Amino acid sequence: MGTVGAVVVDGDGRCAAATSTGGTQDKFPGRIGDSPVLGAGTWADDRAGAASATGWGEGILRVLLTRSVIAEIERGLDTSAAAAAGLKGLERVGGKGGVIVVNRDGTPGIAFNTPRMARGWLDAGGEIRVAVEADEGAP
């Protein structure tokens, strides 16, 4: 049930992203969601970072959300600003969802316009952190 995404960068700056989904209930026959579409649900580029998205797939597909976020990093934005910029594009088409991102330096970022979004990350000290609500800390 639901989407599970992961974004990582190794010590050499190699980036990877993965996104799986539980799908959409009562979907139209033949509907393809955003998760398997590169640039929509998942994108990674060693030059900039990696991103994974969740939410209403149609909007995420329309704006290629994860590719848009990584493009913002390539333009010089930090991960939080890049995620927020990508989400503005999603909102422009009436979409709901969220995106997690990490740049090639290992800095995470997140943005979502849903009531909550579960997430976990390693903090700078290597501790596992988790959050659900918007005000529960970074990323």
N, C-alpha and C. Protein backbone atom coordinates (compact mmCIF):
# COMPACT_ATOMS: atom_id res chain seq x y z
N MET A 1 0.84 -1.18 0.00
CA MET A 1 0.00 0.00 0.00
C MET A 1 0.88 1.24 0.00
N GLY A 2 0.63 2.14 -0.90
CA GLY A 2 1.34 3.41 -0.92
C GLY A 2 2.65 3.35 -1.66
N THR A 3 3.26 4.50 -1.76
CA THR A 3 4.53 4.64 -2.47
C THR A 3 5.69 4.59 -1.49
N VAL A 4 6.77 3.97 -1.91
CA VAL A 4 8.01 3.97 -1.15
C VAL A 4 9.10 4.47 -2.09
N GLY A 5 9.79 5.52 -1.67
CA GLY A 5 10.86 6.07 -2.49
C GLY A 5 12.14 6.14 -1.69
N ALA A 6 13.25 6.12 -2.40
CA ALA A 6 14.56 6.25 -1.76
C ALA A 6 15.48 7.06 -2.66
N VAL A 7 16.27 7.92 -2.05
CA VAL A 7 17.30 8.68 -2.77
C VAL A 7 18.59 8.57 -1.98
N VAL A 8 19.68 8.31 -2.67
CA VAL A 8 20.96 8.11 -2.00
C VAL A 8 22.09 8.68 -2.82
N VAL A 9 23.20 8.94 -2.13
CA VAL A 9 24.44 9.32 -2.78
C VAL A 9 25.56 8.63 -2.03
N ASP A 10 26.52 8.07 -2.75
CA ASP A 10 27.62 7.40 -2.08
C ASP A 10 28.79 8.35 -1.86
N GLY A 11 29.85 7.86 -1.29
CA GLY A 11 31.00 8.69 -0.97
C GLY A 11 31.71 9.29 -2.16
N ASP A 12 31.47 8.74 -3.34
CA ASP A 12 32.06 9.26 -4.57
C ASP A 12 31.12 10.18 -5.33
N GLY A 13 29.96 10.50 -4.73
CA GLY A 13 29.01 11.41 -5.37
C GLY A 13 28.11 10.75 -6.39
N ARG A 14 28.10 9.41 -6.43
CA ARG A 14 27.19 8.72 -7.35
C ARG A 14 25.79 8.69 -6.73
N CYS A 15 24.80 9.10 -7.53
CA CYS A 15 23.43 9.26 -7.04
C CYS A 15 22.52 8.18 -7.60
N ALA A 16 21.54 7.77 -6.80
CA ALA A 16 20.55 6.79 -7.24
C ALA A 16 19.21 7.11 -6.61
N ALA A 17 18.16 6.76 -7.32
CA ALA A 17 16.80 6.94 -6.82
C ALA A 17 15.99 5.70 -7.17
N ALA A 18 15.02 5.38 -6.34
CA ALA A 18 14.11 4.26 -6.60
C ALA A 18 12.73 4.64 -6.09
N THR A 19 11.71 4.22 -6.82
CA THR A 19 10.33 4.51 -6.43
C THR A 19 9.47 3.31 -6.77
N SER A 20 8.72 2.82 -5.78
CA SER A 20 7.73 1.77 -6.03
C SER A 20 6.39 2.28 -5.56
N THR A 21 5.33 1.67 -6.03
CA THR A 21 4.01 2.16 -5.67
C THR A 21 3.03 1.02 -5.47
N GLY A 22 2.03 1.28 -4.66
CA GLY A 22 0.93 0.35 -4.48
C GLY A 22 -0.15 0.57 -5.53
N GLY A 23 0.01 1.60 -6.34
CA GLY A 23 -0.95 1.87 -7.40
C GLY A 23 -2.11 2.71 -6.93
N THR A 24 -3.04 2.93 -7.84
CA THR A 24 -4.23 3.72 -7.57
C THR A 24 -5.44 2.81 -7.56
N GLN A 25 -6.23 2.88 -6.51
CA GLN A 25 -7.43 2.05 -6.41
C GLN A 25 -8.41 2.41 -7.53
N ASP A 26 -9.04 1.40 -8.11
CA ASP A 26 -10.04 1.57 -9.17
C ASP A 26 -9.51 2.33 -10.38
N LYS A 27 -8.23 2.12 -10.68
CA LYS A 27 -7.63 2.81 -11.83
C LYS A 27 -8.27 2.34 -13.14
N PHE A 28 -8.18 3.20 -14.15
CA PHE A 28 -8.67 2.85 -15.47
C PHE A 28 -7.79 1.74 -16.05
N PRO A 29 -8.38 0.80 -16.78
CA PRO A 29 -7.57 -0.24 -17.42
C PRO A 29 -6.50 0.40 -18.31
N GLY A 30 -5.27 -0.07 -18.21
CA GLY A 30 -4.18 0.44 -19.02
C GLY A 30 -3.49 1.67 -18.46
N ARG A 31 -3.99 2.21 -17.33
CA ARG A 31 -3.37 3.40 -16.75
C ARG A 31 -1.94 3.09 -16.32
N ILE A 32 -1.03 3.95 -16.68
CA ILE A 32 0.36 3.86 -16.24
C ILE A 32 0.58 5.00 -15.24
N GLY A 33 1.09 4.68 -14.08
CA GLY A 33 1.35 5.71 -13.08
C GLY A 33 2.69 6.39 -13.29
N ASP A 34 3.00 7.30 -12.38
CA ASP A 34 4.23 8.08 -12.50
C ASP A 34 5.47 7.32 -12.05
N SER A 35 5.33 6.37 -11.13
CA SER A 35 6.50 5.71 -10.54
C SER A 35 7.47 5.12 -11.56
N PRO A 36 6.99 4.40 -12.58
CA PRO A 36 7.95 3.80 -13.52
C PRO A 36 8.43 4.74 -14.62
N VAL A 37 7.92 5.95 -14.65
CA VAL A 37 8.28 6.87 -15.72
C VAL A 37 9.44 7.75 -15.26
N LEU A 38 10.61 7.56 -15.92
CA LEU A 38 11.77 8.36 -15.54
C LEU A 38 11.49 9.84 -15.75
N GLY A 39 11.88 10.63 -14.77
CA GLY A 39 11.65 12.07 -14.82
C GLY A 39 10.37 12.46 -14.12
N ALA A 40 9.43 11.55 -14.01
CA ALA A 40 8.18 11.83 -13.30
C ALA A 40 8.31 11.36 -11.85
N GLY A 41 8.27 10.05 -11.62
CA GLY A 41 8.35 9.51 -10.26
C GLY A 41 9.76 9.31 -9.75
N THR A 42 10.73 9.22 -10.66
CA THR A 42 12.11 8.91 -10.26
C THR A 42 13.10 9.57 -11.21
N TRP A 43 14.18 10.13 -10.65
CA TRP A 43 15.26 10.67 -11.49
C TRP A 43 16.54 10.74 -10.68
N ALA A 44 17.66 10.40 -11.32
CA ALA A 44 18.97 10.55 -10.69
C ALA A 44 19.98 10.95 -11.75
N ASP A 45 20.88 11.83 -11.35
CA ASP A 45 21.94 12.30 -12.24
C ASP A 45 23.14 12.59 -11.36
N ASP A 46 24.23 11.89 -11.60
CA ASP A 46 25.43 12.04 -10.76
C ASP A 46 25.96 13.47 -10.73
N ARG A 47 25.64 14.28 -11.72
CA ARG A 47 26.11 15.66 -11.74
C ARG A 47 25.37 16.55 -10.76
N ALA A 48 24.17 16.11 -10.29
CA ALA A 48 23.36 17.01 -9.45
C ALA A 48 22.74 16.32 -8.24
N GLY A 49 22.04 15.21 -8.43
CA GLY A 49 21.37 14.57 -7.31
C GLY A 49 20.35 13.55 -7.75
N ALA A 50 19.48 13.17 -6.82
CA ALA A 50 18.46 12.16 -7.07
C ALA A 50 17.16 12.58 -6.40
N ALA A 51 16.02 12.21 -7.02
CA ALA A 51 14.71 12.58 -6.47
C ALA A 51 13.72 11.45 -6.69
N SER A 52 12.76 11.35 -5.76
CA SER A 52 11.67 10.38 -5.84
C SER A 52 10.39 11.08 -5.41
N ALA A 53 9.29 10.81 -6.13
CA ALA A 53 8.02 11.51 -5.87
C ALA A 53 6.91 10.55 -5.50
N THR A 54 5.91 11.10 -4.83
CA THR A 54 4.69 10.36 -4.50
C THR A 54 3.51 11.32 -4.62
N GLY A 55 2.34 10.77 -4.85
CA GLY A 55 1.15 11.60 -4.93
C GLY A 55 0.26 11.21 -6.09
N TRP A 56 -0.55 12.16 -6.54
CA TRP A 56 -1.43 11.93 -7.68
C TRP A 56 -0.57 11.87 -8.93
N GLY A 57 -0.48 10.71 -9.52
CA GLY A 57 0.43 10.47 -10.62
C GLY A 57 0.22 11.33 -11.85
N GLU A 58 -1.04 11.66 -12.15
CA GLU A 58 -1.28 12.43 -13.37
C GLU A 58 -0.57 13.78 -13.34
N GLY A 59 -0.64 14.49 -12.25
CA GLY A 59 0.05 15.77 -12.13
C GLY A 59 1.56 15.61 -12.15
N ILE A 60 2.04 14.61 -11.46
CA ILE A 60 3.48 14.34 -11.41
C ILE A 60 4.01 14.04 -12.82
N LEU A 61 3.24 13.29 -13.59
CA LEU A 61 3.61 13.01 -14.98
C LEU A 61 3.62 14.27 -15.82
N ARG A 62 2.62 15.11 -15.65
CA ARG A 62 2.50 16.32 -16.48
C ARG A 62 3.68 17.27 -16.32
N VAL A 63 4.25 17.35 -15.12
CA VAL A 63 5.34 18.30 -14.89
C VAL A 63 6.71 17.64 -14.78
N LEU A 64 6.77 16.31 -14.97
CA LEU A 64 8.02 15.57 -14.77
C LEU A 64 8.70 16.05 -13.49
N LEU A 65 8.01 15.82 -12.39
CA LEU A 65 8.38 16.42 -11.10
C LEU A 65 9.82 16.17 -10.69
N THR A 66 10.26 14.92 -10.72
CA THR A 66 11.62 14.66 -10.22
C THR A 66 12.69 15.25 -11.13
N ARG A 67 12.48 15.21 -12.43
CA ARG A 67 13.45 15.83 -13.34
C ARG A 67 13.48 17.33 -13.14
N SER A 68 12.30 17.92 -12.88
CA SER A 68 12.23 19.36 -12.63
C SER A 68 13.02 19.74 -11.39
N VAL A 69 12.92 18.94 -10.35
CA VAL A 69 13.64 19.24 -9.11
C VAL A 69 15.15 19.17 -9.34
N ILE A 70 15.61 18.14 -10.02
CA ILE A 70 17.04 18.01 -10.28
C ILE A 70 17.52 19.14 -11.20
N ALA A 71 16.69 19.56 -12.14
CA ALA A 71 17.05 20.69 -13.01
C ALA A 71 17.25 21.96 -12.19
N GLU A 72 16.45 22.14 -11.15
CA GLU A 72 16.60 23.32 -10.28
C GLU A 72 17.92 23.26 -9.51
N ILE A 73 18.35 22.08 -9.10
CA ILE A 73 19.66 21.93 -8.46
C ILE A 73 20.76 22.28 -9.46
N GLU A 74 20.60 21.80 -10.70
CA GLU A 74 21.59 22.11 -11.73
C GLU A 74 21.68 23.62 -11.97
N ARG A 75 20.58 24.34 -11.74
CA ARG A 75 20.57 25.80 -11.91
C ARG A 75 21.14 26.52 -10.69
N GLY A 76 21.47 25.77 -9.63
CA GLY A 76 22.11 26.38 -8.48
C GLY A 76 21.30 26.45 -7.20
N LEU A 77 20.04 25.97 -7.21
CA LEU A 77 19.26 26.00 -5.98
C LEU A 77 19.71 24.90 -5.02
N ASP A 78 19.52 25.14 -3.71
CA ASP A 78 19.78 24.08 -2.74
C ASP A 78 18.62 23.08 -2.79
N THR A 79 18.76 21.96 -2.09
CA THR A 79 17.77 20.89 -2.21
C THR A 79 16.38 21.31 -1.73
N SER A 80 16.30 22.05 -0.65
CA SER A 80 14.98 22.48 -0.14
C SER A 80 14.30 23.43 -1.13
N ALA A 81 15.04 24.38 -1.65
CA ALA A 81 14.48 25.33 -2.62
C ALA A 81 14.12 24.63 -3.92
N ALA A 82 14.93 23.67 -4.34
CA ALA A 82 14.64 22.93 -5.56
C ALA A 82 13.37 22.09 -5.41
N ALA A 83 13.21 21.44 -4.26
CA ALA A 83 11.99 20.66 -4.00
C ALA A 83 10.77 21.57 -3.99
N ALA A 84 10.89 22.72 -3.35
CA ALA A 84 9.78 23.68 -3.30
C ALA A 84 9.43 24.20 -4.69
N ALA A 85 10.43 24.47 -5.52
CA ALA A 85 10.18 24.94 -6.88
C ALA A 85 9.48 23.86 -7.69
N GLY A 86 9.91 22.63 -7.54
CA GLY A 86 9.24 21.53 -8.24
C GLY A 86 7.79 21.40 -7.81
N LEU A 87 7.54 21.57 -6.52
CA LEU A 87 6.17 21.47 -6.01
C LEU A 87 5.29 22.59 -6.54
N LYS A 88 5.86 23.78 -6.74
CA LYS A 88 5.08 24.87 -7.34
C LYS A 88 4.61 24.48 -8.73
N GLY A 89 5.47 23.80 -9.48
CA GLY A 89 5.07 23.32 -10.80
C GLY A 89 3.94 22.31 -10.71
N LEU A 90 4.00 21.43 -9.72
CA LEU A 90 2.94 20.45 -9.51
C LEU A 90 1.63 21.15 -9.16
N GLU A 91 1.70 22.16 -8.30
CA GLU A 91 0.49 22.90 -7.90
C GLU A 91 -0.10 23.66 -9.08
N ARG A 92 0.74 24.09 -10.01
CA ARG A 92 0.27 24.82 -11.19
C ARG A 92 -0.72 23.99 -12.00
N VAL A 93 -0.55 22.65 -12.00
CA VAL A 93 -1.47 21.78 -12.74
C VAL A 93 -2.51 21.14 -11.83
N GLY A 94 -2.62 21.65 -10.59
CA GLY A 94 -3.61 21.14 -9.65
C GLY A 94 -3.22 19.84 -8.99
N GLY A 95 -1.94 19.48 -9.03
CA GLY A 95 -1.48 18.22 -8.47
C GLY A 95 -1.22 18.26 -6.98
N LYS A 96 -1.30 17.10 -6.38
CA LYS A 96 -1.01 16.91 -4.96
C LYS A 96 0.06 15.85 -4.83
N GLY A 97 1.01 16.08 -3.93
CA GLY A 97 2.04 15.08 -3.73
C GLY A 97 3.23 15.64 -3.00
N GLY A 98 4.33 14.93 -3.14
CA GLY A 98 5.56 15.35 -2.49
C GLY A 98 6.76 14.75 -3.18
N VAL A 99 7.92 15.29 -2.82
CA VAL A 99 9.17 14.84 -3.43
C VAL A 99 10.27 14.86 -2.38
N ILE A 100 11.11 13.82 -2.40
CA ILE A 100 12.33 13.80 -1.59
C ILE A 100 13.49 13.91 -2.56
N VAL A 101 14.56 14.55 -2.10
CA VAL A 101 15.70 14.79 -2.98
C VAL A 101 16.98 14.81 -2.15
N VAL A 102 18.07 14.44 -2.79
CA VAL A 102 19.40 14.57 -2.19
C VAL A 102 20.34 15.06 -3.30
N ASN A 103 21.24 15.98 -2.94
CA ASN A 103 22.20 16.42 -3.95
C ASN A 103 23.46 15.56 -3.86
N ARG A 104 24.39 15.78 -4.75
CA ARG A 104 25.57 14.92 -4.80
C ARG A 104 26.49 15.12 -3.59
N ASP A 105 26.25 16.15 -2.79
CA ASP A 105 27.00 16.36 -1.56
C ASP A 105 26.33 15.67 -0.37
N GLY A 106 25.15 15.07 -0.59
CA GLY A 106 24.44 14.35 0.47
C GLY A 106 23.44 15.19 1.24
N THR A 107 23.17 16.40 0.80
CA THR A 107 22.20 17.26 1.49
C THR A 107 20.78 16.89 1.05
N PRO A 108 19.93 16.50 2.01
CA PRO A 108 18.56 16.12 1.65
C PRO A 108 17.63 17.33 1.60
N GLY A 109 16.51 17.14 0.93
CA GLY A 109 15.46 18.15 0.88
C GLY A 109 14.12 17.46 0.67
N ILE A 110 13.05 18.15 1.00
CA ILE A 110 11.71 17.60 0.87
C ILE A 110 10.71 18.74 0.68
N ALA A 111 9.66 18.46 -0.06
CA ALA A 111 8.52 19.38 -0.16
C ALA A 111 7.29 18.55 -0.42
N PHE A 112 6.17 18.93 0.18
CA PHE A 112 4.91 18.25 -0.09
C PHE A 112 3.76 19.19 0.19
N ASN A 113 2.65 18.98 -0.52
CA ASN A 113 1.45 19.80 -0.33
C ASN A 113 0.26 18.96 0.10
N THR A 114 0.54 17.83 0.70
CA THR A 114 -0.47 16.95 1.27
C THR A 114 -0.47 17.16 2.78
N PRO A 115 -1.50 16.67 3.49
CA PRO A 115 -1.53 16.90 4.93
C PRO A 115 -0.31 16.36 5.68
N ARG A 116 0.26 15.28 5.20
CA ARG A 116 1.45 14.71 5.83
C ARG A 116 2.17 13.83 4.82
N MET A 117 3.43 13.55 5.11
CA MET A 117 4.21 12.65 4.25
C MET A 117 5.25 11.95 5.13
N ALA A 118 5.13 10.65 5.24
CA ALA A 118 6.08 9.87 6.04
C ALA A 118 7.44 9.86 5.34
N ARG A 119 8.50 9.99 6.15
CA ARG A 119 9.84 9.98 5.59
C ARG A 119 10.86 9.61 6.67
N GLY A 120 11.99 9.13 6.21
CA GLY A 120 13.09 8.80 7.11
C GLY A 120 14.39 9.20 6.46
N TRP A 121 15.41 9.49 7.27
CA TRP A 121 16.70 9.91 6.74
C TRP A 121 17.77 9.72 7.81
N LEU A 122 19.01 9.73 7.37
CA LEU A 122 20.14 9.74 8.28
C LEU A 122 20.54 11.19 8.49
N ASP A 123 20.66 11.60 9.75
CA ASP A 123 21.09 12.98 9.99
C ASP A 123 22.62 13.07 9.86
N ALA A 124 23.15 14.26 10.06
CA ALA A 124 24.59 14.49 9.87
C ALA A 124 25.44 13.61 10.78
N GLY A 125 24.89 13.20 11.92
CA GLY A 125 25.62 12.34 12.84
C GLY A 125 25.42 10.85 12.59
N GLY A 126 24.69 10.51 11.52
CA GLY A 126 24.46 9.11 11.19
C GLY A 126 23.29 8.48 11.93
N GLU A 127 22.50 9.29 12.62
CA GLU A 127 21.33 8.78 13.35
C GLU A 127 20.13 8.69 12.41
N ILE A 128 19.34 7.64 12.59
CA ILE A 128 18.12 7.48 11.81
C ILE A 128 17.05 8.40 12.39
N ARG A 129 16.43 9.19 11.52
CA ARG A 129 15.36 10.11 11.92
C ARG A 129 14.12 9.79 11.11
N VAL A 130 12.95 10.00 11.67
CA VAL A 130 11.69 9.79 10.96
C VAL A 130 10.74 10.94 11.27
N ALA A 131 9.84 11.22 10.35
CA ALA A 131 8.84 12.27 10.54
C ALA A 131 7.65 11.98 9.66
N VAL A 132 6.52 12.54 10.02
CA VAL A 132 5.29 12.42 9.24
C VAL A 132 4.70 13.78 8.96
N GLU A 133 4.62 14.61 9.96
CA GLU A 133 4.01 15.92 9.84
C GLU A 133 5.01 16.93 9.27
N ALA A 134 4.51 18.02 8.73
CA ALA A 134 5.36 19.06 8.13
C ALA A 134 6.29 19.71 9.14
N ASP A 135 5.85 19.86 10.38
CA ASP A 135 6.62 20.58 11.38
C ASP A 135 7.51 19.67 12.22
N GLU A 136 7.74 18.44 11.78
CA GLU A 136 8.53 17.49 12.56
C GLU A 136 10.00 17.47 12.17
N GLY A 137 10.52 18.57 11.74
CA GLY A 137 11.95 18.64 11.46
C GLY A 137 12.30 18.38 10.01
N ALA A 138 13.58 18.39 9.77
CA ALA A 138 14.10 18.23 8.41
C ALA A 138 14.16 16.76 8.06
N PRO A 139 14.46 16.35 6.89
CA PRO A 139 14.60 17.30 5.80
C PRO A 139 13.25 17.85 5.44
